[in-house]
Amino acid sequence: MTRQFQALPTATGKPRSSFAVLGEDYFWTLFAVIAAVGLLMRLACFTGLIASDDLEYSRYAELIAQLSYKPELSQFALRYGVIIPVGVVYKTFGIGEWTTIIVPLLASTVSVAMLMLVGRKLFSSTAALIAGLLLATFPADIRYATILVPEPIAGAWILAAVLAYLYWGTETPASAGFVSGLCIGAAYLSKEPALFVAPALMLDALARRQWRAFSGIAAGVLMIVGLEHVYYVALTRDLMFRPHAMAHHNGLPYMVYVNQHLWWRLFKVYPRTMILPSLHFGLHSLVAIALVVAGFFLLDVERWRLPVLWAAVPWIYLNFGTSSLNRYWALPADHRYLLFIYPPLFLLAAEVLIRINDVRPRAAPFLGIGFLVILISGFCCGFLKRGQDWRTDAVKELRTIARDAKVRNVHTVAMNIDAAPEWWPALSILNQDLRKPNGSEAPDMVVGPDTFGLPSVSPISHP
């Protein structure tokens, strides 16, 4: 008998707790509140421009808005799931800091809502709400929601894929699998490792003997990947243009360094990142992993199989995969690359919490206090990390310069010879009225580094 995707009763046969009853009776009200809280937390932890990868995505999005885009040997140029939506926003509303970060912000917020819908279909309303709270307060998700990076966007597409896969219940038709496959394809076009969610869902479909769902997922993914490669052949005559672009982007020096430190890269970086509490992951990661491990003993395979596959298969590639088709080059490692594997961990952690509460009702007050500490600390970590790292100190000064230029009706800005190359593209996003002087035209303002190396307005020297 195949498993039905629906809220399952407690294994003990005991009545649900008052919180569980609250979750069932007021699900949609709490659903809306949690989604709204998630949005407000992301706005409170606003970072905006970081003058790093986001400038590259913005540049290609601007080319798309101007209908002058062409493929280039850069991973930024080929992440269409990022640059096309941002390009559409640029075309519709103009270029600015908010239009640059609105797509990841909406994707991150919608992900909280979709995770709750997935949780309700897979487990129960209560588990869905708990998982939604965990994702809404997850420090890394809060932080990257207002930075133009691909992870929040890819994560939203992955959740849409899982939701499509689960929506039809016991018998998942090929059409649902096909929609799921298309969503995974869109996630892949945002961030390449997202493609490995497809085999996770396909393995679950095989375990449930859902052959039509299996074939539908495969067909949807192959359609997206196939059309992409046809596009590359038509424009570049290179069928493997994306892998070649990735290899070109990553560069030989970094790969040599990583391969010289493979033990550190493969067996220490991500385990330490996920287990040790930090401002990036707060307590969320450690607690979720501990609860997932407990879930192997407290839950049957039918309950934990899909979330574990969903998290484990992409993680295996992120940790052990290669960025080259010719030889083994370990993938670059960063904590934000792990973002889209946490929603299934939070779902499973939520179900385990409910099981512990069912088996040990007297532990409910301690579980509630501990859960509240996790949520509060998560938001605090995200708040403390807002506007930090990368080149955010320079961006803060550039925001002031952009506002001052608008107030003073300044239109032409020249960059000092010592100015950092990323200052002008960041400044042009912050104030679209600014332009560089033409020819011998005298600039209205000159921007150069101050004694701390940060951008400041320099005196204009007249001949």
Protein backbone atom coordinates (compact mmCIF):
# COMPACT_ATOMS: atom_id res chain seq x y z
CA MET A 1 0.00 0.00 0.00
CA THR A 2 1.38 3.40 -0.94
CA ARG A 3 1.70 6.12 1.60
CA GLN A 4 -0.75 8.99 1.69
CA PHE A 5 0.65 12.48 2.11
CA GLN A 6 -1.56 13.73 4.90
CA ALA A 7 -1.42 14.57 8.58
CA LEU A 8 -0.88 11.30 10.42
CA PRO A 9 -2.12 10.54 13.96
CA THR A 10 0.27 10.14 16.84
CA ALA A 11 1.83 6.73 17.16
CA THR A 12 0.91 6.56 20.83
CA GLY A 13 -2.79 7.08 20.24
CA LYS A 14 -2.81 9.85 22.86
CA PRO A 15 -4.73 13.07 22.19
CA ARG A 16 -2.78 15.93 20.72
CA SER A 17 -1.52 18.71 22.97
CA SER A 18 -3.30 22.05 23.18
CA PHE A 19 -0.67 23.54 20.87
CA ALA A 20 -1.38 20.82 18.31
CA VAL A 21 -5.10 21.53 18.53
CA LEU A 22 -4.36 25.25 18.15
CA GLY A 23 -2.28 24.51 15.07
CA GLU A 24 -5.09 22.52 13.48
CA ASP A 25 -7.93 24.92 14.31
CA TYR A 26 -6.16 28.20 13.55
CA PHE A 27 -3.69 27.07 10.91
CA TRP A 28 -4.41 29.74 8.31
CA THR A 29 -4.36 32.57 10.84
CA LEU A 30 -1.03 31.39 12.27
CA PHE A 31 0.21 30.72 8.74
CA ALA A 32 -0.37 34.38 7.80
CA VAL A 33 1.16 35.64 11.04
CA ILE A 34 4.33 33.56 10.65
CA ALA A 35 4.76 34.60 7.00
CA ALA A 36 4.30 38.27 7.98
CA VAL A 37 6.75 37.93 10.87
CA GLY A 38 9.25 36.34 8.51
CA LEU A 39 8.97 39.32 6.16
CA LEU A 40 9.29 41.86 8.99
CA MET A 41 12.37 40.09 10.36
CA ARG A 42 14.01 40.17 6.95
CA LEU A 43 13.29 43.86 6.59
CA ALA A 44 14.62 44.53 10.09
CA CYS A 45 17.87 42.76 9.15
CA PHE A 46 18.25 44.63 5.85
CA THR A 47 21.71 44.52 4.26
CA GLY A 48 21.19 45.54 0.63
CA LEU A 49 24.16 46.01 -1.67
CA ILE A 50 27.41 44.31 -0.68
CA ALA A 51 29.42 45.44 -3.76
CA SER A 52 30.49 41.86 -4.52
CA ASP A 53 28.69 39.12 -6.49
CA ASP A 54 25.50 41.19 -6.45
CA LEU A 55 27.04 43.78 -8.78
CA GLU A 56 27.73 41.06 -11.36
CA TYR A 57 24.16 39.74 -11.21
CA SER A 58 22.88 43.32 -11.40
CA ARG A 59 25.03 44.05 -14.46
CA TYR A 60 23.66 41.09 -16.40
CA ALA A 61 20.11 41.86 -15.24
CA GLU A 62 20.55 45.39 -16.62
CA LEU A 63 21.68 43.94 -19.95
CA ILE A 64 18.54 41.80 -20.00
CA ALA A 65 16.41 44.86 -19.22
CA GLN A 66 18.09 46.63 -22.16
CA LEU A 67 17.62 43.55 -24.40
CA SER A 68 21.37 43.50 -25.05
CA TYR A 69 22.34 40.36 -23.13
CA LYS A 70 24.66 37.72 -24.61
CA PRO A 71 26.05 34.58 -22.89
CA GLU A 72 29.51 34.99 -21.39
CA LEU A 73 32.00 32.64 -19.74
CA SER A 74 30.90 33.58 -16.24
CA GLN A 75 28.64 31.74 -13.79
CA PHE A 76 26.92 35.06 -13.03
CA ALA A 77 25.90 35.45 -16.67
CA LEU A 78 24.30 31.99 -16.83
CA ARG A 79 22.16 32.04 -13.67
CA TYR A 80 19.01 32.97 -15.52
CA GLY A 81 16.78 32.22 -12.56
CA VAL A 82 18.40 35.24 -10.91
CA ILE A 83 19.17 37.70 -13.67
CA ILE A 84 15.95 37.34 -15.69
CA PRO A 85 13.54 38.16 -12.79
CA VAL A 86 15.78 41.04 -11.66
CA GLY A 87 16.01 42.22 -15.28
CA VAL A 88 12.20 42.24 -15.52
CA VAL A 89 12.01 44.25 -12.28
CA TYR A 90 14.61 46.70 -13.64
CA LYS A 91 12.67 47.11 -16.86
CA THR A 92 9.41 47.70 -14.99
CA PHE A 93 10.46 49.79 -11.99
CA GLY A 94 13.94 51.05 -12.81
CA ILE A 95 17.32 50.29 -11.28
CA GLY A 96 17.83 50.94 -7.58
CA GLU A 97 18.88 49.21 -4.39
CA TRP A 98 15.38 47.99 -3.56
CA THR A 99 14.66 46.75 -7.07
CA THR A 100 17.99 44.90 -6.89
CA ILE A 101 17.09 43.00 -3.72
CA ILE A 102 13.30 42.65 -4.06
CA VAL A 103 13.47 39.27 -5.88
CA PRO A 104 15.49 37.42 -3.17
CA LEU A 105 13.42 39.16 -0.48
CA LEU A 106 10.13 37.93 -1.95
CA ALA A 107 11.61 34.48 -2.65
CA SER A 108 12.80 34.11 0.95
CA THR A 109 9.46 35.25 2.36
CA VAL A 110 7.43 33.02 0.05
CA SER A 111 9.70 30.12 1.03
CA VAL A 112 8.48 30.39 4.62
CA ALA A 113 4.89 30.10 3.41
CA MET A 114 5.61 27.24 1.02
CA LEU A 115 7.51 25.30 3.68
CA MET A 116 4.43 25.43 5.89
CA LEU A 117 2.28 24.16 3.02
CA VAL A 118 4.74 21.33 2.39
CA GLY A 119 4.84 20.51 6.11
CA ARG A 120 1.07 20.38 6.34
CA LYS A 121 0.88 17.99 3.41
CA LEU A 122 3.77 15.82 4.57
CA PHE A 123 3.19 15.76 8.35
CA SER A 124 0.64 17.95 10.13
CA SER A 125 -0.46 21.55 10.58
CA THR A 126 1.47 21.79 13.84
CA ALA A 127 4.69 20.48 12.31
CA ALA A 128 4.20 22.90 9.44
CA LEU A 129 3.90 25.90 11.76
CA ILE A 130 6.96 24.86 13.81
CA ALA A 131 9.04 24.44 10.64
CA GLY A 132 7.79 27.79 9.37
CA LEU A 133 8.91 29.48 12.57
CA LEU A 134 12.34 27.88 12.29
CA LEU A 135 12.81 29.06 8.71
CA ALA A 136 11.35 32.49 9.45
CA THR A 137 14.00 33.03 12.16
CA PHE A 138 16.91 31.18 10.52
CA PRO A 139 19.79 33.73 10.69
CA ALA A 140 21.38 32.91 7.34
CA ASP A 141 18.03 32.99 5.55
CA ILE A 142 17.16 36.30 7.21
CA ARG A 143 20.47 37.79 6.21
CA TYR A 144 20.61 36.72 2.58
CA ALA A 145 16.98 37.64 1.95
CA THR A 146 18.06 41.23 1.23
CA ILE A 147 21.22 40.45 -0.77
CA LEU A 148 21.17 39.63 -4.47
CA VAL A 149 22.52 36.07 -4.30
CA PRO A 150 21.00 32.95 -5.91
CA GLU A 151 20.36 30.79 -2.84
CA PRO A 152 17.04 32.33 -1.68
CA ILE A 153 15.69 32.19 -5.23
CA ALA A 154 16.81 28.60 -5.83
CA GLY A 155 15.37 27.63 -2.43
CA ALA A 156 11.96 29.01 -3.36
CA TRP A 157 11.89 27.04 -6.62
CA ILE A 158 12.89 23.86 -4.77
CA LEU A 159 10.04 24.29 -2.30
CA ALA A 160 7.65 24.87 -5.21
CA ALA A 161 8.93 21.62 -6.75
CA VAL A 162 8.36 19.63 -3.55
CA LEU A 163 4.93 21.19 -3.10
CA ALA A 164 3.94 20.15 -6.63
CA TYR A 165 5.28 16.65 -5.97
CA LEU A 166 3.22 16.31 -2.77
CA TYR A 167 0.06 18.13 -3.78
CA TRP A 168 -1.80 15.27 -5.42
CA GLY A 169 -1.54 12.96 -2.41
CA THR A 170 -1.35 9.20 -2.82
CA GLU A 171 -1.21 8.97 -6.59
CA THR A 172 1.15 11.64 -7.93
CA PRO A 173 0.34 11.95 -11.65
CA ALA A 174 2.95 12.48 -14.34
CA SER A 175 1.73 16.06 -14.80
CA ALA A 176 2.50 16.87 -11.15
CA GLY A 177 5.92 15.29 -11.50
CA PHE A 178 6.47 17.28 -14.69
CA VAL A 179 5.63 20.57 -12.95
CA SER A 180 7.96 19.54 -10.12
CA GLY A 181 10.71 18.82 -12.65
CA LEU A 182 10.22 22.22 -14.31
CA CYS A 183 10.55 23.93 -10.91
CA ILE A 184 13.76 22.02 -10.18
CA GLY A 185 15.00 23.10 -13.61
CA ALA A 186 14.29 26.72 -12.69
CA ALA A 187 16.16 26.21 -9.40
CA TYR A 188 19.08 24.75 -11.36
CA LEU A 189 19.13 27.86 -13.55
CA SER A 190 19.45 29.88 -10.33
CA LYS A 191 22.07 27.72 -8.59
CA GLU A 192 23.47 24.60 -10.22
CA PRO A 193 23.60 22.22 -7.18
CA ALA A 194 19.81 22.60 -6.84
CA LEU A 195 19.58 20.09 -9.70
CA PHE A 196 20.37 17.34 -7.19
CA VAL A 197 16.97 17.72 -5.54
CA ALA A 198 15.60 15.92 -8.61
CA PRO A 199 17.24 12.55 -7.83
CA ALA A 200 16.09 12.93 -4.22
CA LEU A 201 12.44 13.23 -5.29
CA MET A 202 12.87 10.52 -7.89
CA LEU A 203 14.29 8.12 -5.29
CA ASP A 204 11.29 8.83 -3.06
CA ALA A 205 8.96 8.23 -6.02
CA LEU A 206 10.66 4.89 -6.67
CA ALA A 207 10.28 3.92 -3.02
CA ARG A 208 6.55 4.69 -3.28
CA ARG A 209 6.33 2.91 -6.68
CA GLN A 210 5.09 6.10 -8.29
CA TRP A 211 6.43 5.49 -11.79
CA ARG A 212 4.47 8.32 -13.40
CA ALA A 213 5.77 10.84 -10.89
CA PHE A 214 9.30 9.54 -11.49
CA SER A 215 9.02 9.92 -15.25
CA GLY A 216 7.33 13.32 -14.93
CA ILE A 217 10.14 14.73 -12.79
CA ALA A 218 12.76 13.40 -15.20
CA ALA A 219 10.91 14.85 -18.19
CA GLY A 220 10.53 18.29 -16.61
CA VAL A 221 14.20 18.55 -15.65
CA LEU A 222 15.41 17.23 -19.00
CA MET A 223 13.23 19.73 -20.84
CA ILE A 224 14.79 22.70 -19.02
CA VAL A 225 18.35 21.40 -19.30
CA GLY A 226 17.83 20.35 -22.91
CA LEU A 227 16.44 23.72 -23.98
CA GLU A 228 19.31 25.45 -22.21
CA HIS A 229 21.91 23.44 -24.10
CA VAL A 230 20.13 23.95 -27.42
CA TYR A 231 20.29 27.67 -26.70
CA TYR A 232 24.04 27.46 -26.03
CA VAL A 233 24.68 25.52 -29.22
CA ALA A 234 22.67 28.05 -31.24
CA LEU A 235 24.51 31.07 -29.84
CA THR A 236 27.98 29.81 -28.94
CA ARG A 237 28.41 26.49 -30.82
CA ASP A 238 29.45 24.99 -27.49
CA LEU A 239 27.17 22.28 -26.09
CA MET A 240 29.04 22.32 -22.76
CA PHE A 241 29.09 26.09 -22.42
CA ARG A 242 27.86 26.11 -18.80
CA PRO A 243 30.51 23.66 -17.45
CA HIS A 244 33.17 25.56 -19.35
CA ALA A 245 31.92 28.83 -17.89
CA MET A 246 31.98 27.38 -14.36
CA ALA A 247 35.56 26.14 -14.81
CA HIS A 248 36.61 29.50 -16.23
CA HIS A 249 34.97 31.37 -13.35
CA ASN A 250 36.41 29.29 -10.52
CA GLY A 251 39.95 29.63 -11.81
CA LEU A 252 43.00 27.42 -11.41
CA PRO A 253 44.68 29.02 -8.33
CA TYR A 254 41.67 28.45 -6.07
CA MET A 255 41.22 24.87 -7.26
CA VAL A 256 44.88 24.05 -6.65
CA TYR A 257 44.57 25.46 -3.12
CA VAL A 258 41.44 23.42 -2.39
CA ASN A 259 42.89 20.19 -3.74
CA GLN A 260 45.99 20.69 -1.58
CA HIS A 261 43.72 20.85 1.48
CA LEU A 262 41.17 18.21 0.54
CA TRP A 263 40.89 16.65 4.00
CA TRP A 264 40.10 20.04 5.50
CA ARG A 265 37.68 20.88 2.67
CA LEU A 266 35.78 17.57 2.53
CA PHE A 267 35.62 16.50 6.16
CA LYS A 268 35.88 19.65 8.28
CA VAL A 269 34.44 22.75 6.61
CA TYR A 270 30.75 21.91 6.31
CA PRO A 271 30.52 19.63 9.39
CA ARG A 272 32.04 22.39 11.56
CA THR A 273 29.83 25.02 9.93
CA MET A 274 26.67 23.02 10.57
CA ILE A 275 27.41 21.79 14.08
CA LEU A 276 29.09 24.74 15.79
CA PRO A 277 26.67 27.54 16.80
CA SER A 278 27.50 30.80 15.04
CA LEU A 279 26.01 34.11 13.96
CA HIS A 280 25.42 32.53 10.54
CA PHE A 281 23.29 29.59 11.70
CA GLY A 282 22.54 30.44 15.33
CA LEU A 283 21.32 27.41 17.27
CA HIS A 284 19.03 26.34 14.44
CA SER A 285 21.49 24.08 12.64
CA LEU A 286 22.82 22.19 15.66
CA VAL A 287 19.35 21.61 17.14
CA ALA A 288 17.86 20.58 13.78
CA ILE A 289 20.64 18.05 13.14
CA ALA A 290 20.30 16.63 16.66
CA LEU A 291 16.54 16.23 16.23
CA VAL A 292 16.94 14.67 12.78
CA VAL A 293 19.32 12.07 14.22
CA ALA A 294 16.77 11.37 16.96
CA GLY A 295 14.13 11.06 14.26
CA PHE A 296 15.83 7.98 12.82
CA PHE A 297 14.96 6.22 16.10
CA LEU A 298 11.61 7.84 16.89
CA LEU A 299 9.97 7.86 13.45
CA ASP A 300 9.39 5.18 10.87
CA VAL A 301 11.11 5.31 7.49
CA GLU A 302 8.00 6.55 5.73
CA ARG A 303 8.11 9.74 7.75
CA TRP A 304 11.76 10.64 7.44
CA ARG A 305 12.66 9.27 4.00
CA LEU A 306 11.67 12.25 1.84
CA PRO A 307 13.11 15.03 4.07
CA VAL A 308 16.37 13.12 4.51
CA LEU A 309 16.74 12.48 0.78
CA TRP A 310 15.84 16.09 0.03
CA ALA A 311 18.62 17.35 2.30
CA ALA A 312 21.23 14.61 1.92
CA VAL A 313 21.52 14.22 -1.85
CA PRO A 314 22.28 17.91 -2.59
CA TRP A 315 24.57 18.06 0.47
CA ILE A 316 26.61 15.10 -0.78
CA TYR A 317 27.20 16.92 -4.06
CA LEU A 318 27.94 20.26 -2.37
CA ASN A 319 30.50 18.60 -0.13
CA PHE A 320 32.05 15.94 -2.35
CA GLY A 321 31.16 17.06 -5.87
CA THR A 322 33.53 18.38 -8.52
CA SER A 323 33.45 21.59 -10.54
CA SER A 324 35.35 20.08 -13.47
CA LEU A 325 34.38 17.39 -15.94
CA ASN A 326 38.02 16.50 -16.64
CA ARG A 327 39.46 16.03 -13.17
CA TYR A 328 38.43 16.23 -9.53
CA TRP A 329 38.25 19.83 -8.32
CA ALA A 330 36.38 20.15 -5.02
CA LEU A 331 33.59 22.72 -5.07
CA PRO A 332 34.10 26.06 -3.31
CA ALA A 333 32.64 26.05 0.21
CA ASP A 334 30.57 28.74 1.88
CA HIS A 335 27.88 28.65 4.54
CA ARG A 336 25.28 30.25 2.25
CA TYR A 337 25.61 27.41 -0.26
CA LEU A 338 23.90 25.18 2.32
CA LEU A 339 20.77 27.32 2.65
CA PHE A 340 18.41 25.20 0.56
CA ILE A 341 19.14 21.96 2.46
CA TYR A 342 17.76 23.34 5.75
CA PRO A 343 13.99 23.47 5.02
CA PRO A 344 13.67 19.64 5.02
CA LEU A 345 15.78 19.45 8.18
CA PHE A 346 13.45 21.93 9.88
CA LEU A 347 10.42 19.92 8.77
CA LEU A 348 11.78 16.71 10.19
CA ALA A 349 12.95 18.46 13.37
CA ALA A 350 9.43 19.82 13.86
CA GLU A 351 7.88 16.36 13.55
CA VAL A 352 10.39 14.93 16.02
CA LEU A 353 9.56 17.69 18.52
CA ILE A 354 5.90 16.74 18.25
CA ARG A 355 6.73 13.07 18.75
CA ILE A 356 8.82 13.86 21.86
CA ASN A 357 5.94 15.93 23.21
CA ASP A 358 3.52 13.06 22.56
CA VAL A 359 5.74 10.52 24.30
CA ARG A 360 6.83 12.83 27.16
CA PRO A 361 4.01 15.37 27.75
CA ARG A 362 5.72 16.66 30.89
CA ALA A 363 8.61 17.86 28.76
CA ALA A 364 6.34 20.33 26.93
CA PRO A 365 7.26 23.42 29.05
CA PHE A 366 10.99 22.75 28.61
CA LEU A 367 10.55 22.14 24.90
CA GLY A 368 8.59 25.38 24.60
CA ILE A 369 11.21 27.43 26.44
CA GLY A 370 14.04 25.89 24.44
CA PHE A 371 12.19 26.49 21.19
CA LEU A 372 11.59 30.13 22.12
CA VAL A 373 15.30 30.57 22.89
CA ILE A 374 16.17 29.19 19.45
CA LEU A 375 13.77 31.55 17.70
CA ILE A 376 14.87 34.66 19.60
CA SER A 377 18.56 33.88 19.26
CA GLY A 378 18.08 33.28 15.54
CA PHE A 379 16.63 36.73 14.98
CA CYS A 380 19.31 38.30 17.19
CA CYS A 381 22.06 36.62 15.15
CA GLY A 382 20.54 37.87 11.92
CA PHE A 383 20.16 41.37 13.35
CA LEU A 384 23.78 41.46 14.53
CA LYS A 385 25.05 40.37 11.09
CA ARG A 386 22.98 42.87 9.09
CA GLY A 387 25.06 45.18 6.93
CA GLN A 388 28.31 43.39 7.81
CA ASP A 389 31.22 41.84 5.85
CA TRP A 390 32.10 42.04 2.16
CA ARG A 391 32.28 45.73 1.14
CA THR A 392 29.31 46.93 3.14
CA ASP A 393 31.34 49.65 4.90
CA ALA A 394 32.08 51.19 1.50
CA VAL A 395 28.43 50.82 0.47
CA LYS A 396 27.30 52.74 3.58
CA GLU A 397 29.48 55.67 2.53
CA LEU A 398 28.27 55.40 -1.05
CA ARG A 399 24.65 55.57 0.14
CA THR A 400 25.44 58.86 1.86
CA ILE A 401 27.17 60.18 -1.25
CA ALA A 402 24.24 59.10 -3.45
CA ARG A 403 21.72 60.85 -1.18
CA ASP A 404 23.88 63.97 -1.03
CA ALA A 405 24.18 64.03 -4.82
CA LYS A 406 20.40 63.82 -5.17
CA VAL A 407 19.85 66.66 -2.70
CA ARG A 408 22.49 68.84 -4.41
CA ASN A 409 21.18 67.97 -7.89
CA VAL A 410 24.55 66.50 -8.89
CA HIS A 411 24.57 64.57 -12.16
CA THR A 412 28.19 63.90 -13.17
CA VAL A 413 30.58 62.00 -10.91
CA ALA A 414 34.19 61.13 -11.61
CA MET A 415 36.10 58.42 -9.79
CA ASN A 416 39.54 59.15 -8.38
CA ILE A 417 42.32 57.06 -9.85
CA ASP A 418 42.64 55.29 -6.47
CA ALA A 419 38.93 54.48 -6.23
CA ALA A 420 37.98 50.78 -6.02
CA PRO A 421 36.50 49.44 -9.28
CA GLU A 422 33.25 48.34 -7.60
CA TRP A 423 32.41 51.83 -6.29
CA TRP A 424 31.02 53.20 -9.54
CA PRO A 425 28.61 50.31 -10.32
CA ALA A 426 27.38 50.37 -6.71
CA LEU A 427 26.94 54.16 -6.79
CA SER A 428 25.08 53.98 -10.11
CA ILE A 429 22.60 51.53 -8.56
CA LEU A 430 22.13 53.74 -5.49
CA ASN A 431 21.48 56.83 -7.66
CA GLN A 432 20.50 56.24 -11.26
CA ASP A 433 20.64 59.97 -12.06
CA LEU A 434 24.43 59.90 -11.85
CA ARG A 435 26.68 59.47 -14.87
CA LYS A 436 30.34 59.75 -15.69
CA PRO A 437 31.46 62.99 -17.39
CA ASN A 438 31.87 62.87 -21.15
CA GLY A 439 35.21 63.81 -22.67
CA SER A 440 36.51 67.07 -21.25
CA GLU A 441 33.29 67.76 -19.31
CA ALA A 442 34.02 68.88 -15.76
CA PRO A 443 32.49 66.59 -13.11
CA ASP A 444 30.13 67.93 -10.47
CA MET A 445 31.67 65.57 -7.90
CA VAL A 446 34.79 63.46 -7.52
CA VAL A 447 34.77 60.34 -5.36
CA GLY A 448 37.98 58.89 -3.96
CA PRO A 449 39.28 57.00 -0.94
CA ASP A 450 39.67 58.70 2.42
CA THR A 451 42.41 57.92 4.95
CA PHE A 452 40.60 54.66 5.86
CA GLY A 453 40.24 53.60 2.23
CA LEU A 454 36.48 54.26 2.20
CA PRO A 455 34.75 56.34 -0.50
CA SER A 456 34.39 60.05 0.16
CA VAL A 457 33.86 63.21 -1.87
CA SER A 458 37.21 64.68 -2.92
CA PRO A 459 37.80 68.34 -3.74
CA ILE A 460 37.54 69.16 -7.43
CA SER A 461 40.80 70.51 -8.77
CA HIS A 462 40.35 73.23 -11.40
CA PRO A 463 43.04 74.02 -13.97
